[in-house]
N, C-alpha and C. Protein backbone atom coordinates (compact mmCIF):
# COMPACT_ATOMS: atom_id res chain seq x y z
N MET A 1 -20.89 13.38 14.33
CA MET A 1 -20.67 13.43 12.89
C MET A 1 -21.85 12.78 12.16
N ASN A 2 -22.22 13.40 11.09
CA ASN A 2 -23.28 12.79 10.31
C ASN A 2 -22.67 11.84 9.28
N ASN A 3 -23.51 11.08 8.62
CA ASN A 3 -23.04 10.06 7.69
C ASN A 3 -22.22 10.63 6.53
N LYS A 4 -22.61 11.80 6.03
CA LYS A 4 -21.89 12.40 4.92
C LYS A 4 -20.45 12.73 5.30
N LYS A 5 -20.26 13.31 6.49
CA LYS A 5 -18.92 13.66 6.95
C LYS A 5 -18.08 12.40 7.21
N ILE A 6 -18.71 11.37 7.72
CA ILE A 6 -18.00 10.12 7.97
C ILE A 6 -17.53 9.51 6.65
N ILE A 7 -18.39 9.53 5.63
CA ILE A 7 -18.03 8.99 4.32
C ILE A 7 -16.89 9.79 3.71
N GLU A 8 -16.96 11.13 3.82
CA GLU A 8 -15.89 11.98 3.28
C GLU A 8 -14.57 11.71 3.98
N LEU A 9 -14.61 11.58 5.31
CA LEU A 9 -13.40 11.30 6.07
C LEU A 9 -12.83 9.94 5.70
N ARG A 10 -13.69 8.95 5.54
CA ARG A 10 -13.26 7.61 5.15
C ARG A 10 -12.56 7.64 3.78
N GLU A 11 -13.15 8.38 2.84
CA GLU A 11 -12.57 8.48 1.50
C GLU A 11 -11.19 9.15 1.55
N LYS A 12 -11.05 10.19 2.37
CA LYS A 12 -9.77 10.88 2.50
C LYS A 12 -8.71 9.96 3.11
N ILE A 13 -9.11 9.20 4.11
CA ILE A 13 -8.16 8.27 4.75
C ILE A 13 -7.72 7.20 3.76
N LEU A 14 -8.65 6.63 3.02
CA LEU A 14 -8.31 5.60 2.04
C LEU A 14 -7.42 6.16 0.93
N LYS A 15 -7.67 7.38 0.49
CA LYS A 15 -6.83 8.02 -0.53
C LYS A 15 -5.42 8.23 0.01
N GLY A 16 -5.31 8.64 1.27
CA GLY A 16 -4.00 8.82 1.90
C GLY A 16 -3.22 7.53 1.99
N ILE A 17 -3.90 6.45 2.34
CA ILE A 17 -3.26 5.14 2.40
C ILE A 17 -2.79 4.71 1.02
N GLU A 18 -3.62 4.93 0.02
CA GLU A 18 -3.27 4.58 -1.36
C GLU A 18 -2.03 5.35 -1.82
N LEU A 19 -1.98 6.66 -1.56
CA LEU A 19 -0.83 7.47 -1.95
C LEU A 19 0.44 7.03 -1.23
N ALA A 20 0.32 6.71 0.06
CA ALA A 20 1.48 6.25 0.82
C ALA A 20 2.01 4.94 0.26
N PHE A 21 1.11 4.03 -0.12
CA PHE A 21 1.54 2.75 -0.67
C PHE A 21 2.22 2.94 -2.02
N GLU A 22 1.69 3.84 -2.84
CA GLU A 22 2.32 4.12 -4.14
C GLU A 22 3.74 4.66 -3.94
N LYS A 23 3.91 5.57 -2.98
CA LYS A 23 5.24 6.11 -2.69
C LYS A 23 6.17 5.01 -2.19
N LEU A 24 5.64 4.11 -1.38
CA LEU A 24 6.44 2.99 -0.87
C LEU A 24 6.91 2.10 -2.02
N ILE A 25 6.04 1.80 -2.97
CA ILE A 25 6.40 0.97 -4.11
C ILE A 25 7.51 1.65 -4.92
N ILE A 26 7.35 2.94 -5.18
CA ILE A 26 8.35 3.67 -5.97
C ILE A 26 9.71 3.65 -5.26
N THR A 27 9.70 3.90 -3.96
CA THR A 27 10.95 3.90 -3.19
C THR A 27 11.59 2.52 -3.20
N LYS A 28 10.81 1.49 -2.99
CA LYS A 28 11.34 0.12 -2.98
C LYS A 28 11.89 -0.26 -4.35
N GLN A 29 11.23 0.18 -5.44
CA GLN A 29 11.72 -0.13 -6.77
C GLN A 29 13.05 0.56 -7.04
N LYS A 30 13.19 1.81 -6.58
CA LYS A 30 14.45 2.54 -6.78
C LYS A 30 15.61 1.87 -6.05
N ASN A 31 15.30 1.29 -4.89
CA ASN A 31 16.34 0.66 -4.08
C ASN A 31 16.43 -0.85 -4.30
N ASN A 32 15.72 -1.35 -5.31
CA ASN A 32 15.68 -2.78 -5.61
C ASN A 32 15.30 -3.59 -4.36
N GLY A 33 14.28 -3.10 -3.67
CA GLY A 33 13.87 -3.72 -2.42
C GLY A 33 12.85 -4.82 -2.59
N ASP A 34 12.49 -5.40 -1.46
CA ASP A 34 11.53 -6.49 -1.40
C ASP A 34 10.33 -6.08 -0.56
N PHE A 35 9.19 -6.69 -0.84
CA PHE A 35 8.02 -6.61 0.02
C PHE A 35 7.90 -7.95 0.71
N VAL A 36 7.71 -7.92 2.01
CA VAL A 36 7.57 -9.14 2.79
C VAL A 36 6.22 -9.09 3.50
N TYR A 37 5.43 -10.14 3.31
CA TYR A 37 4.14 -10.19 3.98
C TYR A 37 3.80 -11.64 4.29
N SER A 38 2.75 -11.83 5.06
CA SER A 38 2.32 -13.17 5.45
C SER A 38 0.99 -13.48 4.78
N LYS A 39 0.91 -14.69 4.24
CA LYS A 39 -0.33 -15.14 3.62
C LYS A 39 -0.58 -16.57 4.07
N ASP A 40 -1.69 -16.79 4.70
CA ASP A 40 -2.06 -18.11 5.21
C ASP A 40 -0.96 -18.69 6.10
N GLY A 41 -0.32 -17.82 6.89
CA GLY A 41 0.71 -18.27 7.82
C GLY A 41 2.07 -18.48 7.18
N LYS A 42 2.20 -18.24 5.91
CA LYS A 42 3.48 -18.40 5.21
C LYS A 42 4.05 -17.03 4.89
N ILE A 43 5.36 -16.88 5.00
CA ILE A 43 6.02 -15.63 4.68
C ILE A 43 6.27 -15.57 3.18
N ILE A 44 5.84 -14.49 2.56
CA ILE A 44 5.97 -14.29 1.13
C ILE A 44 6.90 -13.10 0.89
N ILE A 45 7.88 -13.26 0.00
CA ILE A 45 8.79 -12.18 -0.36
C ILE A 45 8.65 -11.93 -1.86
N VAL A 46 8.39 -10.66 -2.21
CA VAL A 46 8.19 -10.28 -3.60
C VAL A 46 9.11 -9.09 -3.90
N LYS A 47 9.85 -9.17 -5.00
CA LYS A 47 10.67 -8.05 -5.43
C LYS A 47 9.76 -6.91 -5.86
N ALA A 48 10.11 -5.69 -5.48
CA ALA A 48 9.28 -4.53 -5.81
C ALA A 48 9.18 -4.34 -7.31
N ASN A 49 10.24 -4.67 -8.04
CA ASN A 49 10.21 -4.52 -9.49
C ASN A 49 9.19 -5.44 -10.15
N GLU A 50 8.86 -6.57 -9.52
CA GLU A 50 7.88 -7.48 -10.07
C GLU A 50 6.46 -6.91 -9.98
N LEU A 51 6.24 -5.99 -9.05
CA LEU A 51 4.92 -5.40 -8.90
C LEU A 51 4.55 -4.50 -10.06
N ALA A 52 5.55 -3.98 -10.77
CA ALA A 52 5.30 -3.10 -11.90
C ALA A 52 4.78 -3.88 -13.10
N LYS A 53 4.99 -5.19 -13.12
CA LYS A 53 4.63 -6.02 -14.26
C LYS A 53 3.17 -6.25 -14.33
C-alpha cells in the first residue's frame, strides 16, 4: 500500500469509529444509560444525558 491509500483507509476507519460512538451515545441517552470508563486507575461513571450538555 502506498501512503495515500493508507491515509484514506485510516480516515475511513476513524470516521467509522466516530459514527459508532455517536450511535452508542444516542442509544444510551434513550435508555437513560451510563458510560463507565477508567481514568488514572479510578472508575468513572457518567450519565449519557450529561454528555449532551
